[in-house]
Amino acid sequence: MGKDIPWSFAKIRSGEQLNLKGAGFTNVASLTAAGITPAKNPGAFIYLSAGGTGGVPCVALSDGSNWKQVAIGTNAI
């Protein structure tokens, strides 16, 4: 048979884990335009470079129906 797929890649293939940092999404509209919808990716966290209030970076969380904005707080010490 073929090669075994490493566990980490299997998680990406199954949709359990998305790494889209290099894709450069700015806001939820750019996610939707790329076909990355909350319904297809429930539970996903995605970094948005200007998706927050006032155009600041934030994280979007899919609840299965909508993207929820999560503000990025202060630096950890």
Protein backbone atom coordinates (compact mmCIF):
# COMPACT_ATOMS: atom_id res chain seq x y z
CA MET A 1 0.00 0.00 0.00
CA GLY A 2 0.97 3.67 0.10
CA LYS A 3 2.80 5.60 2.75
CA ASP A 4 1.26 6.09 6.15
CA ILE A 5 -0.02 9.61 6.69
CA PRO A 6 1.47 11.25 9.80
CA TRP A 7 -1.12 11.87 12.52
CA SER A 8 -0.75 15.66 12.22
CA PHE A 9 -1.48 15.57 8.47
CA ALA A 10 -4.46 13.29 9.05
CA LYS A 11 -5.94 15.94 11.35
CA ILE A 12 -5.53 18.58 8.65
CA ARG A 13 -7.09 16.33 6.00
CA SER A 14 -10.07 15.53 8.21
CA GLY A 15 -10.72 19.22 8.86
CA GLU A 16 -9.86 19.05 12.56
CA GLN A 17 -7.00 21.47 12.13
CA LEU A 18 -6.55 24.39 9.74
CA ASN A 19 -3.30 26.30 9.30
CA LEU A 20 -4.14 29.29 7.16
CA LYS A 21 -1.67 31.80 8.60
CA GLY A 22 0.22 32.06 5.31
CA ALA A 23 -2.96 32.63 3.31
CA GLY A 24 -3.24 36.25 4.46
CA PHE A 25 -6.95 36.55 5.19
CA THR A 26 -7.86 40.05 6.31
CA ASN A 27 -11.50 39.67 7.34
CA VAL A 28 -14.50 37.34 7.30
CA ALA A 29 -15.47 38.48 3.79
CA SER A 30 -12.11 37.21 2.48
CA LEU A 31 -12.76 33.84 4.15
CA THR A 32 -16.17 33.54 2.53
CA ALA A 33 -14.78 34.54 -0.88
CA ALA A 34 -12.23 31.70 -0.56
CA GLY A 35 -15.01 29.22 0.27
CA ILE A 36 -14.03 28.89 3.92
CA THR A 37 -17.41 29.02 5.58
CA PRO A 38 -18.34 28.47 9.23
CA ALA A 39 -20.69 25.63 8.25
CA LYS A 40 -17.84 23.69 6.59
CA ASN A 41 -15.40 24.38 9.48
CA PRO A 42 -17.21 24.23 12.85
CA GLY A 43 -14.82 24.89 15.72
CA ALA A 44 -12.09 26.39 13.51
CA PHE A 45 -9.96 29.31 14.69
CA ILE A 46 -8.53 31.50 11.93
CA TYR A 47 -6.23 34.50 12.27
CA LEU A 48 -7.47 37.64 10.49
CA SER A 49 -4.95 40.44 10.00
CA ALA A 50 -7.52 43.26 9.95
CA GLY A 51 -10.77 41.62 10.91
CA GLY A 52 -11.32 43.22 14.28
CA THR A 53 -13.04 46.45 15.22
CA GLY A 54 -11.04 49.33 13.82
CA GLY A 55 -9.15 47.08 11.43
CA VAL A 56 -6.96 45.43 14.06
CA PRO A 57 -5.92 41.76 14.03
CA CYS A 58 -8.29 39.25 15.59
CA VAL A 59 -9.19 35.58 15.52
CA ALA A 60 -12.41 34.25 14.02
CA LEU A 61 -14.10 31.22 15.59
CA SER A 62 -16.72 29.18 13.73
CA ASP A 63 -19.75 28.10 15.77
CA GLY A 64 -21.01 26.08 12.79
CA SER A 65 -23.34 28.87 11.64
CA ASN A 66 -21.39 32.12 11.95
CA TRP A 67 -17.88 33.43 12.40
CA LYS A 68 -17.42 34.94 15.88
CA GLN A 69 -14.77 37.62 16.40
CA VAL A 70 -12.32 37.03 19.22
CA ALA A 71 -10.18 40.04 20.11
CA ILE A 72 -6.48 39.51 20.63
CA GLY A 73 -5.53 40.75 24.07
CA THR A 74 -2.33 41.94 25.62
CA ASN A 75 0.96 40.07 25.53
CA ALA A 76 1.45 37.18 27.93
CA ILE A 77 4.21 37.68 30.45
